[in-house]
């Protein structure tokens, strides 16, 4: 390896390190500290409860809807409608949710479970 090869290699290494530094500062491609995600439960238009979805939090609660009580289960970082008195059981079939922007809606019972928090960036355009 000649002296010119070593200089070229060092220059390429320096350019790549500077590129990473610029991308980190300008586009924030590296994940930042995650904000806590919370489930907001409303029934008949009124706030019932806000639950932070964190590891180790396991519980179930009964929410009184318009057509009767519905059971909601929290398992760590996800939540689901475990049982509802409505026909069709669409809200129960929705399953587990845990990412910001996801929702479960029980139309007959007028119950809404909405996940709030900082949504991850999936693309950057200019």
N, C-alpha and C. Protein backbone atom coordinates (compact mmCIF):
# COMPACT_ATOMS: atom_id res chain seq x y z
N UNK A 1 0.85 -1.16 0.00
CA UNK A 1 0.00 0.00 0.00
C UNK A 1 0.91 1.24 0.00
N UNK A 2 0.70 2.05 -1.01
CA UNK A 2 1.54 3.24 -1.15
C UNK A 2 1.02 4.37 -0.27
N UNK A 3 1.81 5.43 -0.21
CA UNK A 3 1.42 6.58 0.60
C UNK A 3 0.15 7.23 0.05
N UNK A 4 0.01 7.27 -1.25
CA UNK A 4 -1.17 7.86 -1.89
C UNK A 4 -2.42 7.04 -1.55
N UNK A 5 -2.28 5.71 -1.50
CA UNK A 5 -3.41 4.85 -1.13
C UNK A 5 -3.87 5.14 0.31
N UNK A 6 -2.92 5.34 1.20
CA UNK A 6 -3.25 5.64 2.59
C UNK A 6 -3.96 6.98 2.72
N UNK A 7 -3.51 7.97 1.96
CA UNK A 7 -4.15 9.29 1.99
C UNK A 7 -5.57 9.20 1.43
N UNK A 8 -5.74 8.47 0.34
CA UNK A 8 -7.06 8.29 -0.26
C UNK A 8 -8.00 7.57 0.71
N UNK A 9 -7.54 6.53 1.37
CA UNK A 9 -8.35 5.79 2.33
C UNK A 9 -8.74 6.67 3.52
N UNK A 10 -7.80 7.45 4.02
CA UNK A 10 -8.10 8.36 5.14
C UNK A 10 -9.11 9.42 4.70
N UNK A 11 -8.99 9.93 3.49
CA UNK A 11 -9.95 10.92 2.98
C UNK A 11 -11.35 10.35 2.85
N UNK A 12 -11.46 9.14 2.33
CA UNK A 12 -12.77 8.49 2.21
C UNK A 12 -13.39 8.23 3.58
N UNK A 13 -12.58 7.82 4.52
CA UNK A 13 -13.06 7.59 5.88
C UNK A 13 -13.56 8.89 6.51
N UNK A 14 -12.83 9.96 6.31
CA UNK A 14 -13.23 11.26 6.84
C UNK A 14 -14.53 11.75 6.20
N UNK A 15 -14.68 11.57 4.91
CA UNK A 15 -15.92 11.97 4.22
C UNK A 15 -17.11 11.17 4.72
N UNK A 16 -16.92 9.88 4.93
CA UNK A 16 -18.04 9.05 5.41
C UNK A 16 -18.44 9.43 6.83
N UNK A 17 -17.48 9.73 7.69
CA UNK A 17 -17.80 10.16 9.06
C UNK A 17 -18.52 11.50 9.06
N UNK A 18 -18.09 12.42 8.22
CA UNK A 18 -18.77 13.71 8.12
C UNK A 18 -20.19 13.55 7.57
N UNK A 19 -20.38 12.63 6.64
CA UNK A 19 -21.72 12.38 6.08
C UNK A 19 -22.66 11.87 7.16
N UNK A 20 -22.20 10.97 7.99
CA UNK A 20 -23.03 10.45 9.08
C UNK A 20 -23.37 11.57 10.06
N UNK A 21 -22.40 12.42 10.36
CA UNK A 21 -22.66 13.53 11.28
C UNK A 21 -23.69 14.49 10.70
N UNK A 22 -23.61 14.78 9.42
CA UNK A 22 -24.57 15.68 8.78
C UNK A 22 -25.96 15.04 8.77
N UNK A 23 -26.05 13.78 8.42
CA UNK A 23 -27.35 13.09 8.40
C UNK A 23 -27.96 13.04 9.79
N UNK A 24 -27.16 12.81 10.78
CA UNK A 24 -27.67 12.75 12.15
C UNK A 24 -28.22 14.09 12.59
N UNK A 25 -27.52 15.15 12.29
CA UNK A 25 -27.95 16.48 12.70
C UNK A 25 -29.10 17.03 11.88
N UNK A 26 -29.08 16.78 10.60
CA UNK A 26 -30.08 17.39 9.71
C UNK A 26 -31.37 16.61 9.61
N UNK A 27 -31.31 15.31 9.49
CA UNK A 27 -32.50 14.50 9.25
C UNK A 27 -32.92 13.69 10.45
N UNK A 28 -32.12 13.64 11.46
CA UNK A 28 -32.42 12.86 12.66
C UNK A 28 -32.82 11.44 12.31
N UNK A 29 -31.92 10.73 11.60
CA UNK A 29 -32.23 9.36 11.18
C UNK A 29 -32.09 8.37 12.32
N UNK A 30 -31.38 8.74 13.35
CA UNK A 30 -31.23 7.84 14.47
C UNK A 30 -32.40 8.03 15.42
N UNK A 31 -32.94 6.95 15.99
CA UNK A 31 -34.12 7.10 16.84
C UNK A 31 -33.83 7.91 18.08
N UNK A 32 -34.73 8.83 18.36
CA UNK A 32 -34.62 9.64 19.57
C UNK A 32 -35.27 8.88 20.72
N UNK A 33 -35.17 9.45 21.89
CA UNK A 33 -35.80 8.83 23.05
C UNK A 33 -37.31 8.78 22.82
N UNK A 34 -37.89 7.61 22.97
CA UNK A 34 -39.31 7.42 22.69
C UNK A 34 -40.17 8.08 23.77
N UNK A 35 -41.19 8.79 23.31
CA UNK A 35 -42.14 9.38 24.24
C UNK A 35 -43.09 8.28 24.72
N UNK A 36 -43.63 8.42 25.92
CA UNK A 36 -44.56 7.41 26.39
C UNK A 36 -45.83 7.38 25.55
N UNK A 37 -46.30 6.20 25.29
CA UNK A 37 -47.51 6.01 24.51
C UNK A 37 -48.65 5.77 25.50
N UNK A 38 -49.80 6.37 25.24
CA UNK A 38 -50.93 6.18 26.14
C UNK A 38 -52.19 5.84 25.35
N UNK A 39 -53.04 5.07 25.99
CA UNK A 39 -54.35 4.73 25.42
C UNK A 39 -55.37 5.65 26.07
N UNK A 40 -56.17 6.30 25.24
CA UNK A 40 -57.22 7.19 25.72
C UNK A 40 -58.55 6.49 25.45
N UNK A 41 -59.31 6.25 26.52
CA UNK A 41 -60.58 5.53 26.41
C UNK A 41 -61.71 6.52 26.66
N UNK A 42 -62.63 6.61 25.71
CA UNK A 42 -63.81 7.47 25.87
C UNK A 42 -65.06 6.62 25.67
N UNK A 43 -66.10 6.97 26.39
CA UNK A 43 -67.39 6.30 26.25
C UNK A 43 -68.47 7.37 26.18
N UNK A 44 -69.29 7.29 25.16
CA UNK A 44 -70.38 8.23 24.93
C UNK A 44 -69.87 9.67 24.91
N UNK A 45 -68.69 9.87 24.32
CA UNK A 45 -68.12 11.20 24.17
C UNK A 45 -67.40 11.75 25.38
N UNK A 46 -67.35 11.01 26.47
CA UNK A 46 -66.70 11.48 27.70
C UNK A 46 -65.44 10.66 27.98
N UNK A 47 -64.40 11.35 28.44
CA UNK A 47 -63.15 10.68 28.78
C UNK A 47 -63.37 9.77 29.98
N UNK A 48 -63.00 8.49 29.82
CA UNK A 48 -63.13 7.53 30.92
C UNK A 48 -61.79 7.37 31.62
N UNK A 49 -60.73 7.16 30.84
CA UNK A 49 -59.42 6.92 31.45
C UNK A 49 -58.31 7.07 30.41
N UNK A 50 -57.14 7.48 30.89
CA UNK A 50 -55.91 7.48 30.10
C UNK A 50 -54.97 6.48 30.76
N UNK A 51 -54.44 5.57 29.96
CA UNK A 51 -53.55 4.53 30.49
C UNK A 51 -52.23 4.58 29.74
N UNK A 52 -51.12 4.75 30.47
CA UNK A 52 -49.81 4.69 29.84
C UNK A 52 -49.48 3.23 29.55
N UNK A 53 -49.10 2.96 28.31
CA UNK A 53 -48.77 1.60 27.90
C UNK A 53 -47.28 1.38 28.08
N UNK A 54 -46.92 0.80 29.22
CA UNK A 54 -45.53 0.51 29.55
C UNK A 54 -45.41 -0.95 29.93
N UNK A 55 -44.20 -1.46 29.82
CA UNK A 55 -43.95 -2.86 30.20
C UNK A 55 -44.34 -3.09 31.64
N UNK A 56 -44.93 -4.23 31.90
CA UNK A 56 -45.25 -4.61 33.27
C UNK A 56 -46.61 -4.15 33.75
N UNK A 57 -47.31 -3.36 32.96
CA UNK A 57 -48.65 -2.90 33.35
C UNK A 57 -49.67 -3.86 32.74
N UNK A 58 -50.28 -4.67 33.58
CA UNK A 58 -51.30 -5.62 33.13
C UNK A 58 -52.55 -5.41 33.97
N UNK A 59 -53.66 -5.18 33.29
CA UNK A 59 -54.91 -4.98 34.01
C UNK A 59 -56.08 -5.16 33.06
N UNK A 60 -57.24 -5.23 33.63
CA UNK A 60 -58.46 -5.22 32.84
C UNK A 60 -59.46 -4.32 33.55
N UNK A 61 -60.31 -3.69 32.77
CA UNK A 61 -61.30 -2.82 33.35
C UNK A 61 -62.60 -2.91 32.57
N UNK A 62 -63.68 -2.55 33.22
CA UNK A 62 -65.00 -2.60 32.62
C UNK A 62 -65.43 -1.17 32.31
N UNK A 63 -65.81 -0.94 31.06
CA UNK A 63 -66.26 0.37 30.60
C UNK A 63 -67.75 0.29 30.32
N UNK A 64 -68.52 1.19 30.89
CA UNK A 64 -69.96 1.19 30.67
C UNK A 64 -70.26 1.96 29.39
N UNK A 65 -70.75 1.23 28.37
CA UNK A 65 -71.13 1.84 27.11
C UNK A 65 -72.63 2.06 27.05
N UNK A 66 -73.09 2.51 25.89
CA UNK A 66 -74.51 2.81 25.73
C UNK A 66 -75.38 1.55 25.78
N UNK A 67 -74.87 0.41 25.27
CA UNK A 67 -75.66 -0.83 25.25
C UNK A 67 -75.28 -1.80 26.35
N UNK A 68 -74.31 -1.42 27.19
CA UNK A 68 -73.91 -2.29 28.29
C UNK A 68 -72.42 -2.22 28.54
N UNK A 69 -71.94 -3.02 29.48
CA UNK A 69 -70.52 -2.98 29.85
C UNK A 69 -69.63 -3.73 28.84
N UNK A 70 -68.46 -3.16 28.61
CA UNK A 70 -67.45 -3.79 27.76
C UNK A 70 -66.19 -3.96 28.58
N UNK A 71 -65.46 -5.04 28.30
CA UNK A 71 -64.23 -5.34 29.05
C UNK A 71 -63.02 -4.99 28.19
N UNK A 72 -62.10 -4.22 28.76
CA UNK A 72 -60.87 -3.81 28.09
C UNK A 72 -59.70 -4.43 28.84
N UNK A 73 -58.74 -4.98 28.11
CA UNK A 73 -57.57 -5.61 28.72
C UNK A 73 -56.30 -4.89 28.28
N UNK A 74 -55.43 -4.62 29.25
CA UNK A 74 -54.14 -3.99 29.00
C UNK A 74 -53.06 -5.02 29.32
N UNK A 75 -52.15 -5.21 28.35
CA UNK A 75 -51.06 -6.17 28.54
C UNK A 75 -49.75 -5.50 28.13
N UNK A 76 -49.15 -4.82 29.07
CA UNK A 76 -47.88 -4.15 28.78
C UNK A 76 -48.05 -3.00 27.82
N UNK A 77 -47.48 -3.13 26.63
CA UNK A 77 -47.48 -2.05 25.66
C UNK A 77 -48.61 -2.15 24.65
N UNK A 78 -49.64 -2.93 24.94
CA UNK A 78 -50.77 -3.08 24.02
C UNK A 78 -52.08 -3.17 24.78
N UNK A 79 -53.18 -2.96 24.05
CA UNK A 79 -54.50 -2.94 24.66
C UNK A 79 -55.50 -3.54 23.66
N UNK A 80 -56.58 -4.13 24.18
CA UNK A 80 -57.61 -4.68 23.31
C UNK A 80 -58.96 -4.64 24.00
N UNK A 81 -60.00 -4.77 23.19
CA UNK A 81 -61.36 -4.91 23.70
C UNK A 81 -61.59 -6.41 23.83
N UNK A 82 -61.71 -6.88 25.07
CA UNK A 82 -61.82 -8.31 25.31
C UNK A 82 -63.24 -8.82 25.15
N UNK A 83 -64.21 -8.01 25.48
CA UNK A 83 -65.60 -8.41 25.35
C UNK A 83 -66.51 -7.20 25.28
N UNK A 84 -67.57 -7.31 24.50
CA UNK A 84 -68.52 -6.21 24.36
C UNK A 84 -69.92 -6.80 24.11
N UNK A 85 -70.98 -6.09 24.54
CA UNK A 85 -72.32 -6.61 24.38
C UNK A 85 -72.93 -6.37 22.99
N UNK A 86 -72.15 -5.84 22.07
CA UNK A 86 -72.69 -5.51 20.75
C UNK A 86 -72.73 -6.74 19.85
N UNK A 87 -73.56 -6.67 18.82
CA UNK A 87 -73.62 -7.74 17.83
C UNK A 87 -72.50 -7.54 16.82
N UNK A 88 -72.02 -8.59 16.25
CA UNK A 88 -70.93 -8.52 15.28
C UNK A 88 -69.55 -8.59 15.90
N UNK A 89 -69.37 -8.03 17.08
CA UNK A 89 -68.10 -8.08 17.80
C UNK A 89 -66.91 -7.58 16.98
N UNK A 90 -67.13 -6.57 16.15
CA UNK A 90 -66.06 -6.01 15.32
C UNK A 90 -64.95 -5.44 16.20
N UNK A 91 -65.33 -4.77 17.28
CA UNK A 91 -64.32 -4.18 18.17
C UNK A 91 -63.47 -5.26 18.85
N UNK A 92 -64.06 -6.38 19.17
CA UNK A 92 -63.32 -7.47 19.80
C UNK A 92 -62.39 -8.12 18.78
N UNK A 93 -62.86 -8.26 17.54
CA UNK A 93 -62.07 -8.90 16.48
C UNK A 93 -60.91 -8.03 16.02
N UNK A 94 -60.93 -6.74 16.38
CA UNK A 94 -59.84 -5.85 16.01
C UNK A 94 -58.53 -6.33 16.62
N UNK A 95 -58.58 -6.91 17.81
CA UNK A 95 -57.38 -7.46 18.44
C UNK A 95 -56.57 -6.41 19.18
N UNK A 96 -55.28 -6.72 19.34
CA UNK A 96 -54.38 -5.85 20.11
C UNK A 96 -53.94 -4.66 19.28
N UNK A 97 -53.85 -3.50 19.93
CA UNK A 97 -53.28 -2.31 19.31
C UNK A 97 -52.27 -1.71 20.29
N UNK A 98 -51.29 -0.98 19.76
CA UNK A 98 -50.29 -0.40 20.64
C UNK A 98 -49.46 0.69 20.00
N UNK A 99 -49.67 0.96 18.71
CA UNK A 99 -48.90 2.00 18.03
C UNK A 99 -49.71 3.27 17.92
N UNK A 100 -49.08 4.43 18.02
CA UNK A 100 -49.80 5.70 17.91
C UNK A 100 -50.60 5.78 16.61
N UNK A 101 -51.82 6.24 16.74
CA UNK A 101 -52.70 6.37 15.58
C UNK A 101 -53.70 5.23 15.45
N UNK A 102 -53.47 4.11 16.10
CA UNK A 102 -54.39 2.99 16.02
C UNK A 102 -55.60 3.24 16.91
N UNK A 103 -56.76 2.72 16.49
CA UNK A 103 -57.99 2.88 17.27
C UNK A 103 -58.81 1.61 17.27
N UNK A 104 -59.64 1.48 18.28
CA UNK A 104 -60.68 0.46 18.35
C UNK A 104 -61.97 1.22 18.63
N UNK A 105 -63.00 0.94 17.84
CA UNK A 105 -64.28 1.64 17.99
C UNK A 105 -65.38 0.61 18.16
N UNK A 106 -66.19 0.78 19.19
CA UNK A 106 -67.40 -0.01 19.38
C UNK A 106 -68.57 0.94 19.09
N UNK A 107 -69.12 0.86 17.90
CA UNK A 107 -70.16 1.80 17.48
C UNK A 107 -71.44 1.69 18.33
N UNK A 108 -71.99 0.48 18.55
CA UNK A 108 -73.22 0.42 19.34
C UNK A 108 -73.03 0.90 20.78
N UNK A 109 -71.88 0.61 21.36
CA UNK A 109 -71.61 1.01 22.74
C UNK A 109 -71.04 2.41 22.87
N UNK A 110 -70.72 3.04 21.72
CA UNK A 110 -70.10 4.37 21.69
C UNK A 110 -68.84 4.42 22.55
N UNK A 111 -67.98 3.41 22.38
CA UNK A 111 -66.70 3.34 23.11
C UNK A 111 -65.57 3.47 22.09
N UNK A 112 -64.59 4.30 22.42
CA UNK A 112 -63.45 4.54 21.54
C UNK A 112 -62.17 4.37 22.35
N UNK A 113 -61.25 3.57 21.82
CA UNK A 113 -59.91 3.43 22.40
C UNK A 113 -58.94 3.95 21.35
N UNK A 114 -58.17 4.97 21.70
CA UNK A 114 -57.26 5.62 20.77
C UNK A 114 -55.86 5.64 21.38
N UNK A 115 -54.87 5.28 20.58
CA UNK A 115 -53.48 5.29 21.03
C UNK A 115 -52.87 6.62 20.63
N UNK A 116 -52.31 7.34 21.61
CA UNK A 116 -51.68 8.63 21.37
C UNK A 116 -50.21 8.57 21.73
N UNK A 117 -49.43 9.35 21.05
CA UNK A 117 -48.00 9.43 21.30
C UNK A 117 -47.30 9.88 20.04
N UNK A 118 -46.00 9.95 20.09
CA UNK A 118 -45.23 10.37 18.92
C UNK A 118 -45.16 9.23 17.93
N UNK A 119 -45.70 9.45 16.76
CA UNK A 119 -45.66 8.43 15.72
C UNK A 119 -44.27 8.38 15.10
N UNK A 120 -43.76 7.19 14.82
CA UNK A 120 -42.43 7.10 14.20
C UNK A 120 -42.49 7.62 12.76
N UNK A 121 -41.40 8.22 12.30
CA UNK A 121 -41.32 8.74 10.95
C UNK A 121 -41.05 7.58 10.01
N UNK A 122 -41.87 7.46 8.96
CA UNK A 122 -41.66 6.36 8.02
C UNK A 122 -40.98 6.82 6.74
N UNK A 123 -40.99 8.14 6.47
CA UNK A 123 -40.31 8.65 5.27
C UNK A 123 -40.09 10.15 5.43
N UNK A 124 -39.07 10.63 4.72
CA UNK A 124 -38.79 12.06 4.67
C UNK A 124 -38.69 12.44 3.21
N UNK A 125 -39.48 13.45 2.81
CA UNK A 125 -39.41 13.91 1.42
C UNK A 125 -39.05 15.39 1.40
N UNK A 126 -38.56 15.82 0.29
CA UNK A 126 -38.20 17.23 0.13
C UNK A 126 -38.84 17.75 -1.11
